[in-house]
Amino acid sequence: VSIAVTPVTPSIVLGTDQAFVATGTYTDSTVQDLTTSVTWSSSAPAV
């Protein structure tokens, strides 16, 4: 039904990394970690 990406609006300093998690919610109200199965993208790869 939906995918939630966490953490919420993180801020990192230049030179460091941030790990994100994608959690899927299904029609039966179950949730599943989709981090390794989704396709990740950045709207500004220069950032």
ModelCIF file with pLDDT and N, C-alpha, C, O atoms, coordinates in Angstrom:
data_MODEL
#
_entry.id   MODEL 
#
_entity.id                         1 
_entity.type                       polymer 
_entity.pdbx_number_of_molecules   1 
#
_entity_poly.entity_id                      1 
_entity_poly.type                           'polypeptide(L)' 
_entity_poly.nstd_linkage                   no 
_entity_poly.nstd_monomer                   no 
_entity_poly.pdbx_seq_one_letter_code       VSIAVTPVTPSIVLGTDQAFVATGTYTDSTVQDLTTSVTWSSSAPAV 
_entity_poly.pdbx_seq_one_letter_code_can   VSIAVTPVTPSIVLGTDQAFVATGTYTDSTVQDLTTSVTWSSSAPAV 
_entity_poly.pdbx_strand_id                 A 
#
loop_
_entity_poly_seq.entity_id 
_entity_poly_seq.num 
_entity_poly_seq.mon_id 
_entity_poly_seq.hetero 
1 1  VAL n 
1 2  SER n 
1 3  ILE n 
1 4  ALA n 
1 5  VAL n 
1 6  THR n 
1 7  PRO n 
1 8  VAL n 
1 9  THR n 
1 10 PRO n 
1 11 SER n 
1 12 ILE n 
1 13 VAL n 
1 14 LEU n 
1 15 GLY n 
1 16 THR n 
1 17 ASP n 
1 18 GLN n 
1 19 ALA n 
1 20 PHE n 
1 21 VAL n 
1 22 ALA n 
1 23 THR n 
1 24 GLY n 
1 25 THR n 
1 26 TYR n 
1 27 THR n 
1 28 ASP n 
1 29 SER n 
1 30 THR n 
1 31 VAL n 
1 32 GLN n 
1 33 ASP n 
1 34 LEU n 
1 35 THR n 
1 36 THR n 
1 37 SER n 
1 38 VAL n 
1 39 THR n 
1 40 TRP n 
1 41 SER n 
1 42 SER n 
1 43 SER n 
1 44 ALA n 
1 45 PRO n 
1 46 ALA n 
1 47 VAL n 
#
_struct_asym.id          A 
_struct_asym.entity_id   1 
#
loop_
_ma_qa_metric.id 
_ma_qa_metric.mode 
_ma_qa_metric.name 
_ma_qa_metric.software_group_id 
_ma_qa_metric.type 
1 global pLDDT . pLDDT 
2 local  pLDDT . pLDDT 
#
_ma_qa_metric_global.metric_id      1 
_ma_qa_metric_global.metric_value   97.43 
_ma_qa_metric_global.model_id       1 
_ma_qa_metric_global.ordinal_id     1 
#
loop_
_ma_qa_metric_local.label_asym_id 
_ma_qa_metric_local.label_comp_id 
_ma_qa_metric_local.label_seq_id 
_ma_qa_metric_local.metric_id 
_ma_qa_metric_local.metric_value 
_ma_qa_metric_local.model_id 
_ma_qa_metric_local.ordinal_id 
A VAL 1  2 97.00 1 1  
A SER 2  2 98.00 1 2  
A ILE 3  2 98.00 1 3  
A ALA 4  2 98.00 1 4  
A VAL 5  2 98.00 1 5  
A THR 6  2 98.00 1 6  
A PRO 7  2 98.00 1 7  
A VAL 8  2 97.00 1 8  
A THR 9  2 94.00 1 9  
A PRO 10 2 97.00 1 10 
A SER 11 2 98.00 1 11 
A ILE 12 2 98.00 1 12 
A VAL 13 2 97.00 1 13 
A LEU 14 2 97.00 1 14 
A GLY 15 2 96.00 1 15 
A THR 16 2 97.00 1 16 
A ASP 17 2 97.00 1 17 
A GLN 18 2 98.00 1 18 
A ALA 19 2 98.00 1 19 
A PHE 20 2 98.00 1 20 
A VAL 21 2 98.00 1 21 
A ALA 22 2 98.00 1 22 
A THR 23 2 98.00 1 23 
A GLY 24 2 98.00 1 24 
A THR 25 2 98.00 1 25 
A TYR 26 2 97.00 1 26 
A THR 27 2 97.00 1 27 
A ASP 28 2 95.00 1 28 
A SER 29 2 95.00 1 29 
A THR 30 2 96.00 1 30 
A VAL 31 2 97.00 1 31 
A GLN 32 2 97.00 1 32 
A ASP 33 2 98.00 1 33 
A LEU 34 2 98.00 1 34 
A THR 35 2 98.00 1 35 
A THR 36 2 97.00 1 36 
A SER 37 2 97.00 1 37 
A VAL 38 2 98.00 1 38 
A THR 39 2 98.00 1 39 
A TRP 40 2 98.00 1 40 
A SER 41 2 98.00 1 41 
A SER 42 2 98.00 1 42 
A SER 43 2 98.00 1 43 
A ALA 44 2 98.00 1 44 
A PRO 45 2 98.00 1 45 
A ALA 46 2 98.00 1 46 
A VAL 47 2 98.00 1 47 
#
loop_
_atom_site.group_PDB 
_atom_site.id 
_atom_site.type_symbol 
_atom_site.label_atom_id 
_atom_site.label_alt_id 
_atom_site.label_comp_id 
_atom_site.label_asym_id 
_atom_site.label_entity_id 
_atom_site.label_seq_id 
_atom_site.pdbx_PDB_ins_code 
_atom_site.Cartn_x 
_atom_site.Cartn_y 
_atom_site.Cartn_z 
_atom_site.occupancy 
_atom_site.B_iso_or_equiv 
_atom_site.pdbx_formal_charge 
_atom_site.auth_seq_id 
_atom_site.auth_comp_id 
_atom_site.auth_asym_id 
_atom_site.auth_atom_id 
_atom_site.pdbx_PDB_model_num 
ATOM 1   N N  . VAL A 1 1  ? 0.829  -1.207 0.000  1.00 97.00 ? 1  VAL A N  1 
ATOM 2   C CA . VAL A 1 1  ? 0.000  0.000  0.000  1.00 97.00 ? 1  VAL A CA 1 
ATOM 3   C C  . VAL A 1 1  ? 0.864  1.258  0.000  1.00 97.00 ? 1  VAL A C  1 
ATOM 4   O O  . VAL A 1 1  ? 0.598  2.201  -0.745 1.00 97.00 ? 1  VAL A O  1 
ATOM 5   N N  . SER A 1 2  ? 1.903  1.267  0.842  1.00 98.00 ? 2  SER A N  1 
ATOM 6   C CA . SER A 1 2  ? 2.744  2.456  0.958  1.00 98.00 ? 2  SER A CA 1 
ATOM 7   C C  . SER A 1 2  ? 4.141  2.086  1.423  1.00 98.00 ? 2  SER A C  1 
ATOM 8   O O  . SER A 1 2  ? 4.367  0.999  1.955  1.00 98.00 ? 2  SER A O  1 
ATOM 9   N N  . ILE A 1 3  ? 5.079  3.011  1.213  1.00 98.00 ? 3  ILE A N  1 
ATOM 10  C CA . ILE A 1 3  ? 6.459  2.828  1.664  1.00 98.00 ? 3  ILE A CA 1 
ATOM 11  C C  . ILE A 1 3  ? 6.841  4.035  2.507  1.00 98.00 ? 3  ILE A C  1 
ATOM 12  O O  . ILE A 1 3  ? 6.651  5.179  2.095  1.00 98.00 ? 3  ILE A O  1 
ATOM 13  N N  . ALA A 1 4  ? 7.381  3.768  3.692  1.00 98.00 ? 4  ALA A N  1 
ATOM 14  C CA . ALA A 1 4  ? 7.878  4.833  4.569  1.00 98.00 ? 4  ALA A CA 1 
ATOM 15  C C  . ALA A 1 4  ? 9.397  4.761  4.596  1.00 98.00 ? 4  ALA A C  1 
ATOM 16  O O  . ALA A 1 4  ? 9.976  3.690  4.777  1.00 98.00 ? 4  ALA A O  1 
ATOM 17  N N  . VAL A 1 5  ? 10.037 5.919  4.413  1.00 98.00 ? 5  VAL A N  1 
ATOM 18  C CA . VAL A 1 5  ? 11.499 5.991  4.443  1.00 98.00 ? 5  VAL A CA 1 
ATOM 19  C C  . VAL A 1 5  ? 11.917 6.670  5.744  1.00 98.00 ? 5  VAL A C  1 
ATOM 20  O O  . VAL A 1 5  ? 11.434 7.757  6.062  1.00 98.00 ? 5  VAL A O  1 
ATOM 21  N N  . THR A 1 6  ? 12.808 6.037  6.490  1.00 98.00 ? 6  THR A N  1 
ATOM 22  C CA . THR A 1 6  ? 13.310 6.591  7.752  1.00 98.00 ? 6  THR A CA 1 
ATOM 23  C C  . THR A 1 6  ? 14.830 6.563  7.749  1.00 98.00 ? 6  THR A C  1 
ATOM 24  O O  . THR A 1 6  ? 15.424 5.761  7.028  1.00 98.00 ? 6  THR A O  1 
ATOM 25  N N  . PRO A 1 7  ? 15.497 7.448  8.565  1.00 98.00 ? 7  PRO A N  1 
ATOM 26  C CA . PRO A 1 7  ? 14.920 8.365  9.543  1.00 98.00 ? 7  PRO A CA 1 
ATOM 27  C C  . PRO A 1 7  ? 14.230 9.562  8.886  1.00 98.00 ? 7  PRO A C  1 
ATOM 28  O O  . PRO A 1 7  ? 14.367 9.787  7.683  1.00 98.00 ? 7  PRO A O  1 
ATOM 29  N N  . VAL A 1 8  ? 13.492 10.320 9.686  1.00 97.00 ? 8  VAL A N  1 
ATOM 30  C CA . VAL A 1 8  ? 12.720 11.455 9.171  1.00 97.00 ? 8  VAL A CA 1 
ATOM 31  C C  . VAL A 1 8  ? 13.605 12.695 9.063  1.00 97.00 ? 8  VAL A C  1 
ATOM 32  O O  . VAL A 1 8  ? 14.239 13.105 10.036 1.00 97.00 ? 8  VAL A O  1 
ATOM 33  N N  . THR A 1 9  ? 13.640 13.284 7.868  1.00 94.00 ? 9  THR A N  1 
ATOM 34  C CA . THR A 1 9  ? 14.394 14.505 7.544  1.00 94.00 ? 9  THR A CA 1 
ATOM 35  C C  . THR A 1 9  ? 15.739 14.588 8.280  1.00 94.00 ? 9  THR A C  1 
ATOM 36  O O  . THR A 1 9  ? 15.948 15.510 9.068  1.00 94.00 ? 9  THR A O  1 
ATOM 37  N N  . PRO A 1 10 ? 16.638 13.653 8.039  1.00 97.00 ? 10 PRO A N  1 
ATOM 38  C CA . PRO A 1 10 ? 17.939 13.682 8.723  1.00 97.00 ? 10 PRO A CA 1 
ATOM 39  C C  . PRO A 1 10 ? 18.834 14.799 8.179  1.00 97.00 ? 10 PRO A C  1 
ATOM 40  O O  . PRO A 1 10 ? 18.629 15.301 7.074  1.00 97.00 ? 10 PRO A O  1 
ATOM 41  N N  . SER A 1 11 ? 19.830 15.171 8.984  1.00 98.00 ? 11 SER A N  1 
ATOM 42  C CA . SER A 1 11 ? 20.832 16.158 8.589  1.00 98.00 ? 11 SER A CA 1 
ATOM 43  C C  . SER A 1 11 ? 22.201 15.584 8.907  1.00 98.00 ? 11 SER A C  1 
ATOM 44  O O  . SER A 1 11 ? 22.449 15.143 10.029 1.00 98.00 ? 11 SER A O  1 
ATOM 45  N N  . ILE A 1 12 ? 23.091 15.588 7.921  1.00 98.00 ? 12 ILE A N  1 
ATOM 46  C CA . ILE A 1 12 ? 24.438 15.055 8.115  1.00 98.00 ? 12 ILE A CA 1 
ATOM 47  C C  . ILE A 1 12 ? 25.454 16.089 7.657  1.00 98.00 ? 12 ILE A C  1 
ATOM 48  O O  . ILE A 1 12 ? 25.136 16.974 6.862  1.00 98.00 ? 12 ILE A O  1 
ATOM 49  N N  . VAL A 1 13 ? 26.675 15.973 8.162  1.00 97.00 ? 13 VAL A N  1 
ATOM 50  C CA . VAL A 1 13 ? 27.730 16.903 7.754  1.00 97.00 ? 13 VAL A CA 1 
ATOM 51  C C  . VAL A 1 13 ? 28.443 16.359 6.529  1.00 97.00 ? 13 VAL A C  1 
ATOM 52  O O  . VAL A 1 13 ? 28.522 15.147 6.327  1.00 97.00 ? 13 VAL A O  1 
ATOM 53  N N  . LEU A 1 14 ? 28.952 17.255 5.727  1.00 97.00 ? 14 LEU A N  1 
ATOM 54  C CA . LEU A 1 14 ? 29.673 16.882 4.518  1.00 97.00 ? 14 LEU A CA 1 
ATOM 55  C C  . LEU A 1 14 ? 30.819 15.931 4.862  1.00 97.00 ? 14 LEU A C  1 
ATOM 56  O O  . LEU A 1 14 ? 31.608 16.184 5.772  1.00 97.00 ? 14 LEU A O  1 
ATOM 57  N N  . GLY A 1 15 ? 30.888 14.826 4.108  1.00 96.00 ? 15 GLY A N  1 
ATOM 58  C CA . GLY A 1 15 ? 31.924 13.833 4.346  1.00 96.00 ? 15 GLY A CA 1 
ATOM 59  C C  . GLY A 1 15 ? 31.442 12.626 5.106  1.00 96.00 ? 15 GLY A C  1 
ATOM 60  O O  . GLY A 1 15 ? 32.191 11.668 5.299  1.00 96.00 ? 15 GLY A O  1 
ATOM 61  N N  . THR A 1 16 ? 30.180 12.662 5.547  1.00 97.00 ? 16 THR A N  1 
ATOM 62  C CA . THR A 1 16 ? 29.622 11.521 6.283  1.00 97.00 ? 16 THR A CA 1 
ATOM 63  C C  . THR A 1 16 ? 28.497 10.879 5.476  1.00 97.00 ? 16 THR A C  1 
ATOM 64  O O  . THR A 1 16 ? 28.065 11.418 4.458  1.00 97.00 ? 16 THR A O  1 
ATOM 65  N N  . ASP A 1 17 ? 28.029 9.723  5.942  1.00 97.00 ? 17 ASP A N  1 
ATOM 66  C CA . ASP A 1 17 ? 26.978 8.958  5.264  1.00 97.00 ? 17 ASP A CA 1 
ATOM 67  C C  . ASP A 1 17 ? 25.728 8.881  6.131  1.00 97.00 ? 17 ASP A C  1 
ATOM 68  O O  . ASP A 1 17 ? 25.765 9.155  7.331  1.00 97.00 ? 17 ASP A O  1 
ATOM 69  N N  . GLN A 1 18 ? 24.615 8.501  5.495  1.00 98.00 ? 18 GLN A N  1 
ATOM 70  C CA . GLN A 1 18 ? 23.351 8.288  6.211  1.00 98.00 ? 18 GLN A CA 1 
ATOM 71  C C  . GLN A 1 18 ? 22.667 7.047  5.653  1.00 98.00 ? 18 GLN A C  1 
ATOM 72  O O  . GLN A 1 18 ? 22.376 6.975  4.459  1.00 98.00 ? 18 GLN A O  1 
ATOM 73  N N  . ALA A 1 19 ? 22.411 6.067  6.523  1.00 98.00 ? 19 ALA A N  1 
ATOM 74  C CA . ALA A 1 19 ? 21.709 4.848  6.104  1.00 98.00 ? 19 ALA A CA 1 
ATOM 75  C C  . ALA A 1 19 ? 20.210 5.061  6.231  1.00 98.00 ? 19 ALA A C  1 
ATOM 76  O O  . ALA A 1 19 ? 19.726 5.496  7.276  1.00 98.00 ? 19 ALA A O  1 
ATOM 77  N N  . PHE A 1 20 ? 19.470 4.755  5.160  1.00 98.00 ? 20 PHE A N  1 
ATOM 78  C CA . PHE A 1 20 ? 18.010 4.853  5.161  1.00 98.00 ? 20 PHE A CA 1 
ATOM 79  C C  . PHE A 1 20 ? 17.396 3.454  5.174  1.00 98.00 ? 20 PHE A C  1 
ATOM 80  O O  . PHE A 1 20 ? 18.012 2.488  4.723  1.00 98.00 ? 20 PHE A O  1 
ATOM 81  N N  . VAL A 1 21 ? 16.172 3.363  5.698  1.00 98.00 ? 21 VAL A N  1 
ATOM 82  C CA . VAL A 1 21 ? 15.410 2.113  5.744  1.00 98.00 ? 21 VAL A CA 1 
ATOM 83  C C  . VAL A 1 21 ? 14.069 2.350  5.069  1.00 98.00 ? 21 VAL A C  1 
ATOM 84  O O  . VAL A 1 21 ? 13.406 3.354  5.330  1.00 98.00 ? 21 VAL A O  1 
ATOM 85  N N  . ALA A 1 22 ? 13.666 1.423  4.197  1.00 98.00 ? 22 ALA A N  1 
ATOM 86  C CA . ALA A 1 22 ? 12.361 1.490  3.533  1.00 98.00 ? 22 ALA A CA 1 
ATOM 87  C C  . ALA A 1 22 ? 11.459 0.417  4.140  1.00 98.00 ? 22 ALA A C  1 
ATOM 88  O O  . ALA A 1 22 ? 11.781 -0.771 4.108  1.00 98.00 ? 22 ALA A O  1 
ATOM 89  N N  . THR A 1 23 ? 10.326 0.851  4.695  1.00 98.00 ? 23 THR A N  1 
ATOM 90  C CA . THR A 1 23 ? 9.383  -0.077 5.331  1.00 98.00 ? 23 THR A CA 1 
ATOM 91  C C  . THR A 1 23 ? 8.065  -0.046 4.575  1.00 98.00 ? 23 THR A C  1 
ATOM 92  O O  . THR A 1 23 ? 7.437  1.004  4.442  1.00 98.00 ? 23 THR A O  1 
ATOM 93  N N  . GLY A 1 24 ? 7.648  -1.220 4.074  1.00 98.00 ? 24 GLY A N  1 
ATOM 94  C CA . GLY A 1 24 ? 6.407  -1.316 3.314  1.00 98.00 ? 24 GLY A CA 1 
ATOM 95  C C  . GLY A 1 24 ? 5.239  -1.712 4.191  1.00 98.00 ? 24 GLY A C  1 
ATOM 96  O O  . GLY A 1 24 ? 5.372  -2.595 5.039  1.00 98.00 ? 24 GLY A O  1 
ATOM 97  N N  . THR A 1 25 ? 4.089  -1.068 3.999  1.00 98.00 ? 25 THR A N  1 
ATOM 98  C CA . THR A 1 25 ? 2.851  -1.433 4.684  1.00 98.00 ? 25 THR A CA 1 
ATOM 99  C C  . THR A 1 25 ? 1.916  -2.072 3.666  1.00 98.00 ? 25 THR A C  1 
ATOM 100 O O  . THR A 1 25 ? 1.726  -1.541 2.572  1.00 98.00 ? 25 THR A O  1 
ATOM 101 N N  . TYR A 1 26 ? 1.331  -3.216 4.029  1.00 97.00 ? 26 TYR A N  1 
ATOM 102 C CA . TYR A 1 26 ? 0.524  -4.005 3.103  1.00 97.00 ? 26 TYR A CA 1 
ATOM 103 C C  . TYR A 1 26 ? -0.964 -3.919 3.433  1.00 97.00 ? 26 TYR A C  1 
ATOM 104 O O  . TYR A 1 26 ? -1.357 -3.411 4.484  1.00 97.00 ? 26 TYR A O  1 
ATOM 105 N N  . THR A 1 27 ? -1.778 -4.425 2.515  1.00 97.00 ? 27 THR A N  1 
ATOM 106 C CA . THR A 1 27 ? -3.240 -4.363 2.671  1.00 97.00 ? 27 THR A CA 1 
ATOM 107 C C  . THR A 1 27 ? -3.741 -5.100 3.904  1.00 97.00 ? 27 THR A C  1 
ATOM 108 O O  . THR A 1 27 ? -4.827 -4.801 4.401  1.00 97.00 ? 27 THR A O  1 
ATOM 109 N N  . ASP A 1 28 ? -2.969 -6.056 4.406  1.00 95.00 ? 28 ASP A N  1 
ATOM 110 C CA . ASP A 1 28 ? -3.391 -6.770 5.617  1.00 95.00 ? 28 ASP A CA 1 
ATOM 111 C C  . ASP A 1 28 ? -2.796 -6.154 6.881  1.00 95.00 ? 28 ASP A C  1 
ATOM 112 O O  . ASP A 1 28 ? -2.799 -6.770 7.947  1.00 95.00 ? 28 ASP A O  1 
ATOM 113 N N  . SER A 1 29 ? -2.285 -4.924 6.745  1.00 95.00 ? 29 SER A N  1 
ATOM 114 C CA . SER A 1 29 ? -1.711 -4.145 7.853  1.00 95.00 ? 29 SER A CA 1 
ATOM 115 C C  . SER A 1 29 ? -0.369 -4.664 8.335  1.00 95.00 ? 29 SER A C  1 
ATOM 116 O O  . SER A 1 29 ? 0.160  -4.164 9.328  1.00 95.00 ? 29 SER A O  1 
ATOM 117 N N  . THR A 1 30 ? 0.190  -5.647 7.661  1.00 96.00 ? 30 THR A N  1 
ATOM 118 C CA . THR A 1 30 ? 1.521  -6.093 8.021  1.00 96.00 ? 30 THR A CA 1 
ATOM 119 C C  . THR A 1 30 ? 2.546  -5.124 7.444  1.00 96.00 ? 30 THR A C  1 
ATOM 120 O O  . THR A 1 30 ? 2.259  -4.391 6.497  1.00 96.00 ? 30 THR A O  1 
ATOM 121 N N  . VAL A 1 31 ? 3.750  -5.128 8.029  1.00 97.00 ? 31 VAL A N  1 
ATOM 122 C CA . VAL A 1 31 ? 4.835  -4.292 7.529  1.00 97.00 ? 31 VAL A CA 1 
ATOM 123 C C  . VAL A 1 31 ? 6.030  -5.180 7.200  1.00 97.00 ? 31 VAL A C  1 
ATOM 124 O O  . VAL A 1 31 ? 6.194  -6.264 7.761  1.00 97.00 ? 31 VAL A O  1 
ATOM 125 N N  . GLN A 1 32 ? 6.854  -4.700 6.286  1.00 97.00 ? 32 GLN A N  1 
ATOM 126 C CA . GLN A 1 32 ? 8.005  -5.485 5.846  1.00 97.00 ? 32 GLN A CA 1 
ATOM 127 C C  . GLN A 1 32 ? 9.156  -4.549 5.494  1.00 97.00 ? 32 GLN A C  1 
ATOM 128 O O  . GLN A 1 32 ? 8.948  -3.485 4.910  1.00 97.00 ? 32 GLN A O  1 
ATOM 129 N N  . ASP A 1 33 ? 10.371 -4.958 5.854  1.00 98.00 ? 33 ASP A N  1 
ATOM 130 C CA . ASP A 1 33 ? 11.565 -4.184 5.514  1.00 98.00 ? 33 ASP A CA 1 
ATOM 131 C C  . ASP A 1 33 ? 11.891 -4.409 4.034  1.00 98.00 ? 33 ASP A C  1 
ATOM 132 O O  . ASP A 1 33 ? 12.231 -5.519 3.624  1.00 98.00 ? 33 ASP A O  1 
ATOM 133 N N  . LEU A 1 34 ? 11.784 -3.345 3.245  1.00 98.00 ? 34 LEU A N  1 
ATOM 134 C CA . LEU A 1 34 ? 12.004 -3.429 1.800  1.00 98.00 ? 34 LEU A CA 1 
ATOM 135 C C  . LEU A 1 34 ? 13.319 -2.778 1.382  1.00 98.00 ? 34 LEU A C  1 
ATOM 136 O O  . LEU A 1 34 ? 13.550 -2.553 0.194  1.00 98.00 ? 34 LEU A O  1 
ATOM 137 N N  . THR A 1 35 ? 14.177 -2.476 2.351  1.00 98.00 ? 35 THR A N  1 
ATOM 138 C CA . THR A 1 35 ? 15.405 -1.721 2.074  1.00 98.00 ? 35 THR A CA 1 
ATOM 139 C C  . THR A 1 35 ? 16.230 -2.322 0.949  1.00 98.00 ? 35 THR A C  1 
ATOM 140 O O  . THR A 1 35 ? 16.772 -1.593 0.119  1.00 98.00 ? 35 THR A O  1 
ATOM 141 N N  . THR A 1 36 ? 16.329 -3.642 0.915  1.00 97.00 ? 36 THR A N  1 
ATOM 142 C CA . THR A 1 36 ? 17.185 -4.285 -0.089 1.00 97.00 ? 36 THR A CA 1 
ATOM 143 C C  . THR A 1 36 ? 16.464 -4.618 -1.391 1.00 97.00 ? 36 THR A C  1 
ATOM 144 O O  . THR A 1 36 ? 17.100 -5.057 -2.349 1.00 97.00 ? 36 THR A O  1 
ATOM 145 N N  . SER A 1 37 ? 15.144 -4.416 -1.443 1.00 97.00 ? 37 SER A N  1 
ATOM 146 C CA . SER A 1 37 ? 14.406 -4.778 -2.655 1.00 97.00 ? 37 SER A CA 1 
ATOM 147 C C  . SER A 1 37 ? 13.883 -3.575 -3.438 1.00 97.00 ? 37 SER A C  1 
ATOM 148 O O  . SER A 1 37 ? 13.500 -3.720 -4.599 1.00 97.00 ? 37 SER A O  1 
ATOM 149 N N  . VAL A 1 38 ? 13.861 -2.395 -2.827 1.00 98.00 ? 38 VAL A N  1 
ATOM 150 C CA . VAL A 1 38 ? 13.409 -1.210 -3.542 1.00 98.00 ? 38 VAL A CA 1 
ATOM 151 C C  . VAL A 1 38 ? 14.547 -0.638 -4.376 1.00 98.00 ? 38 VAL A C  1 
ATOM 152 O O  . VAL A 1 38 ? 15.704 -1.035 -4.232 1.00 98.00 ? 38 VAL A O  1 
ATOM 153 N N  . THR A 1 39 ? 14.201 0.296  -5.245 1.00 98.00 ? 39 THR A N  1 
ATOM 154 C CA . THR A 1 39 ? 15.209 1.029  -6.016 1.00 98.00 ? 39 THR A CA 1 
ATOM 155 C C  . THR A 1 39 ? 15.376 2.398  -5.383 1.00 98.00 ? 39 THR A C  1 
ATOM 156 O O  . THR A 1 39 ? 14.408 3.147  -5.244 1.00 98.00 ? 39 THR A O  1 
ATOM 157 N N  . TRP A 1 40 ? 16.618 2.729  -4.993 1.00 98.00 ? 40 TRP A N  1 
ATOM 158 C CA . TRP A 1 40 ? 16.905 3.988  -4.315 1.00 98.00 ? 40 TRP A CA 1 
ATOM 159 C C  . TRP A 1 40 ? 17.361 5.038  -5.325 1.00 98.00 ? 40 TRP A C  1 
ATOM 160 O O  . TRP A 1 40 ? 18.063 4.725  -6.287 1.00 98.00 ? 40 TRP A O  1 
ATOM 161 N N  . SER A 1 41 ? 16.955 6.289  -5.097 1.00 98.00 ? 41 SER A N  1 
ATOM 162 C CA . SER A 1 41 ? 17.387 7.380  -5.972 1.00 98.00 ? 41 SER A CA 1 
ATOM 163 C C  . SER A 1 41 ? 17.501 8.666  -5.177 1.00 98.00 ? 41 SER A C  1 
ATOM 164 O O  . SER A 1 41 ? 16.877 8.819  -4.128 1.00 98.00 ? 41 SER A O  1 
ATOM 165 N N  . SER A 1 42 ? 18.310 9.596  -5.688 1.00 98.00 ? 42 SER A N  1 
ATOM 166 C CA . SER A 1 42 ? 18.503 10.910 -5.071 1.00 98.00 ? 42 SER A CA 1 
ATOM 167 C C  . SER A 1 42 ? 18.107 11.967 -6.087 1.00 98.00 ? 42 SER A C  1 
ATOM 168 O O  . SER A 1 42 ? 18.514 11.906 -7.247 1.00 98.00 ? 42 SER A O  1 
ATOM 169 N N  . SER A 1 43 ? 17.310 12.940 -5.646 1.00 98.00 ? 43 SER A N  1 
ATOM 170 C CA . SER A 1 43 ? 16.867 13.988 -6.564 1.00 98.00 ? 43 SER A CA 1 
ATOM 171 C C  . SER A 1 43 ? 17.999 14.945 -6.919 1.00 98.00 ? 43 SER A C  1 
ATOM 172 O O  . SER A 1 43 ? 17.934 15.619 -7.947 1.00 98.00 ? 43 SER A O  1 
ATOM 173 N N  . ALA A 1 44 ? 19.036 15.014 -6.085 1.00 98.00 ? 44 ALA A N  1 
ATOM 174 C CA . ALA A 1 44 ? 20.173 15.907 -6.335 1.00 98.00 ? 44 ALA A CA 1 
ATOM 175 C C  . ALA A 1 44 ? 21.471 15.154 -6.050 1.00 98.00 ? 44 ALA A C  1 
ATOM 176 O O  . ALA A 1 44 ? 22.039 15.289 -4.966 1.00 98.00 ? 44 ALA A O  1 
ATOM 177 N N  . PRO A 1 45 ? 21.947 14.357 -7.022 1.00 98.00 ? 45 PRO A N  1 
ATOM 178 C CA . PRO A 1 45 ? 23.188 13.585 -6.811 1.00 98.00 ? 45 PRO A CA 1 
ATOM 179 C C  . PRO A 1 45 ? 24.402 14.464 -6.531 1.00 98.00 ? 45 PRO A C  1 
ATOM 180 O O  . PRO A 1 45 ? 25.398 13.982 -5.992 1.00 98.00 ? 45 PRO A O  1 
ATOM 181 N N  . ALA A 1 46 ? 24.334 15.750 -6.890 1.00 98.00 ? 46 ALA A N  1 
ATOM 182 C CA . ALA A 1 46 ? 25.441 16.651 -6.601 1.00 98.00 ? 46 ALA A CA 1 
ATOM 183 C C  . ALA A 1 46 ? 25.509 16.987 -5.115 1.00 98.00 ? 46 ALA A C  1 
ATOM 184 O O  . ALA A 1 46 ? 26.536 17.463 -4.632 1.00 98.00 ? 46 ALA A O  1 
ATOM 185 N N  . VAL A 1 47 ? 24.422 16.741 -4.393 1.00 98.00 ? 47 VAL A N  1 
ATOM 186 C CA . VAL A 1 47 ? 24.393 16.949 -2.937 1.00 98.00 ? 47 VAL A CA 1 
ATOM 187 C C  . VAL A 1 47 ? 24.677 15.637 -2.207 1.00 98.00 ? 47 VAL A C  1 
ATOM 188 O O  . VAL A 1 47 ? 24.695 15.607 -0.977 1.00 98.00 ? 47 VAL A O  1 
#
